[in-house]
């Protein structure tokens, strides 16, 4: 996270860095994380909804870097977003193109790699899981203007 890195850099260097991030809709991100973490777990594939409802309640699961709300990675101690640029996974190629333009480097066509196999995220939610994910990621939803 930005909070973890900043103390190890000279203040002038930190101020000089072009800090950027790519964020993702928390509802989509949660499904992707669960499928990725369980890609070799046949029990998960038998009942993904049950597994996800249970996992979102477990503090150890919620504390994983992959699972934590995104704003925690992008803010300073006062809670202010300190990224110069924030792109979106939903428009990843356009975000990377804009990032490259700002950095004055040539952009390239992105390739899909390290993806998890799953349907569109809305296919996995019931009201209970939707409420749990919405509650856990409320700050991301509000700060970054995401919705279900």
Protein backbone atom coordinates (compact mmCIF):
# COMPACT_ATOMS: atom_id res chain seq x y z
CA UNK A 1 0.00 0.00 0.00
CA UNK A 2 1.00 3.62 -0.35
CA UNK A 3 1.11 3.91 3.45
CA UNK A 4 3.59 1.04 3.66
CA UNK A 5 5.90 2.26 0.91
CA UNK A 6 6.07 5.99 1.65
CA UNK A 7 8.12 5.77 4.90
CA UNK A 8 10.91 3.94 3.07
CA UNK A 9 11.39 6.63 0.45
CA UNK A 10 12.94 10.04 0.74
CA UNK A 11 10.12 12.60 0.88
CA UNK A 12 11.34 14.33 -2.29
CA UNK A 13 11.47 10.99 -4.14
CA UNK A 14 7.95 10.10 -2.96
CA UNK A 15 6.64 13.48 -4.12
CA UNK A 16 8.37 13.01 -7.49
CA UNK A 17 6.94 9.53 -8.16
CA UNK A 18 4.01 9.19 -10.53
CA UNK A 19 1.72 7.07 -8.37
CA UNK A 20 -1.08 5.18 -10.12
CA UNK A 21 -3.43 2.28 -9.59
CA UNK A 22 -6.02 0.24 -11.43
CA UNK A 23 -9.21 -0.36 -9.44
CA UNK A 24 -12.05 -2.81 -10.04
CA UNK A 25 -15.73 -2.98 -9.21
CA UNK A 26 -15.73 -4.59 -5.74
CA UNK A 27 -18.58 -6.98 -6.61
CA UNK A 28 -16.71 -8.26 -9.67
CA UNK A 29 -13.37 -8.24 -7.84
CA UNK A 30 -14.72 -10.34 -4.97
CA UNK A 31 -16.01 -13.06 -7.32
CA UNK A 32 -12.75 -13.07 -9.28
CA UNK A 33 -10.68 -13.33 -6.09
CA UNK A 34 -12.75 -16.24 -4.78
CA UNK A 35 -12.51 -18.17 -8.03
CA UNK A 36 -8.80 -17.45 -8.33
CA UNK A 37 -8.01 -18.55 -4.78
CA UNK A 38 -10.09 -21.71 -5.23
CA UNK A 39 -9.07 -22.70 -8.74
CA UNK A 40 -7.88 -26.09 -7.43
CA UNK A 41 -10.56 -26.55 -4.78
CA UNK A 42 -13.32 -28.92 -5.98
CA UNK A 43 -15.37 -28.23 -2.83
CA UNK A 44 -15.60 -24.56 -3.79
CA UNK A 45 -16.91 -25.40 -7.25
CA UNK A 46 -19.62 -27.59 -5.70
CA UNK A 47 -21.01 -24.70 -3.65
CA UNK A 48 -19.33 -21.36 -4.47
CA UNK A 49 -22.10 -19.25 -2.97
CA UNK A 50 -21.93 -21.03 0.37
CA UNK A 51 -18.12 -20.74 0.41
CA UNK A 52 -18.19 -17.02 -0.42
CA UNK A 53 -20.85 -16.25 2.20
CA UNK A 54 -18.70 -17.93 4.79
CA UNK A 55 -15.38 -16.44 3.64
CA UNK A 56 -16.55 -12.81 3.65
CA UNK A 57 -17.25 -13.19 7.39
CA UNK A 58 -13.79 -14.53 8.30
CA UNK A 59 -11.38 -11.80 9.56
CA UNK A 60 -8.32 -13.67 8.28
CA UNK A 61 -9.81 -13.88 4.77
CA UNK A 62 -10.84 -10.20 4.85
CA UNK A 63 -7.29 -9.22 5.89
CA UNK A 64 -5.68 -10.74 2.79
CA UNK A 65 -4.13 -8.15 0.47
CA UNK A 66 -6.16 -9.47 -2.45
CA UNK A 67 -9.38 -9.09 -0.47
CA UNK A 68 -8.89 -5.84 1.46
CA UNK A 69 -10.81 -2.80 0.25
CA UNK A 70 -8.89 -1.03 -2.48
CA UNK A 71 -8.99 2.41 -0.91
CA UNK A 72 -6.71 1.14 1.87
CA UNK A 73 -3.98 0.59 -0.70
CA UNK A 74 -4.34 4.04 -2.23
CA UNK A 75 -4.65 6.44 0.70
CA UNK A 76 -2.40 8.17 3.19
CA UNK A 77 -2.79 8.21 6.98
CA UNK A 78 -5.48 10.90 6.71
CA UNK A 79 -7.49 8.75 4.31
CA UNK A 80 -6.79 10.92 1.27
CA UNK A 81 -6.26 9.17 -2.06
CA UNK A 82 -2.67 9.92 -3.05
CA UNK A 83 -2.56 8.45 -6.52
CA UNK A 84 -1.90 10.77 -9.42
CA UNK A 85 -3.93 8.53 -11.71
CA UNK A 86 -6.55 5.85 -11.07
CA UNK A 87 -7.61 3.67 -13.97
CA UNK A 88 -10.39 1.11 -14.07
CA UNK A 89 -10.26 -2.58 -14.76
CA UNK A 90 -13.59 -2.31 -16.59
CA UNK A 91 -11.87 -0.13 -19.19
CA UNK A 92 -8.39 -1.54 -18.71
CA UNK A 93 -7.02 -1.01 -22.21
CA UNK A 94 -8.23 2.60 -22.29
CA UNK A 95 -6.82 3.17 -18.81
CA UNK A 96 -3.43 1.76 -19.78
CA UNK A 97 -3.46 3.80 -22.99
CA UNK A 98 -4.13 6.98 -21.00
CA UNK A 99 -1.48 6.06 -18.44
CA UNK A 100 1.10 5.49 -21.16
CA UNK A 101 0.17 8.78 -22.80
CA UNK A 102 0.66 10.62 -19.49
CA UNK A 103 4.03 8.92 -19.01
CA UNK A 104 4.93 9.63 -22.63
CA UNK A 105 5.64 5.99 -23.42
CA UNK A 106 4.25 3.80 -26.15
CA UNK A 107 1.18 1.78 -25.24
CA UNK A 108 0.71 -1.84 -26.23
CA UNK A 109 -2.28 -4.12 -26.69
CA UNK A 110 -2.88 -6.02 -23.44
CA UNK A 111 -3.06 -9.80 -23.38
CA UNK A 112 -5.26 -11.76 -20.95
CA UNK A 113 -3.15 -13.68 -18.46
CA UNK A 114 -3.66 -15.34 -15.10
CA UNK A 115 -7.44 -15.14 -15.37
CA UNK A 116 -9.95 -17.11 -13.35
CA UNK A 117 -12.76 -19.03 -15.00
CA UNK A 118 -16.19 -17.79 -13.96
CA UNK A 119 -19.40 -16.28 -15.26
CA UNK A 120 -20.37 -12.62 -15.07
CA UNK A 121 -20.29 -11.60 -11.40
CA UNK A 122 -24.05 -11.01 -11.00
CA UNK A 123 -24.65 -14.72 -11.64
CA UNK A 124 -23.19 -15.63 -8.23
CA UNK A 125 -24.93 -13.24 -5.87
CA UNK A 126 -28.00 -13.65 -3.76
CA UNK A 127 -29.26 -10.85 -1.50
CA UNK A 128 -27.29 -12.09 1.52
CA UNK A 129 -23.92 -12.17 -0.26
CA UNK A 130 -24.66 -8.90 -2.03
CA UNK A 131 -25.33 -7.21 1.32
CA UNK A 132 -22.17 -8.68 2.90
CA UNK A 133 -19.94 -7.59 0.00
CA UNK A 134 -21.62 -4.19 -0.19
CA UNK A 135 -21.08 -3.66 3.53
CA UNK A 136 -17.43 -4.75 3.49
CA UNK A 137 -16.56 -2.66 0.42
CA UNK A 138 -18.80 0.33 1.18
CA UNK A 139 -15.90 2.78 1.17
CA UNK A 140 -14.68 1.54 -2.23
CA UNK A 141 -18.19 1.73 -3.66
CA UNK A 142 -18.62 5.30 -2.44
CA UNK A 143 -15.14 6.69 -3.16
CA UNK A 144 -14.82 5.19 -6.62
CA UNK A 145 -18.46 5.46 -7.68
CA UNK A 146 -19.18 1.77 -8.14
CA UNK A 147 -22.47 -0.05 -7.76
CA UNK A 148 -23.82 -3.53 -8.19
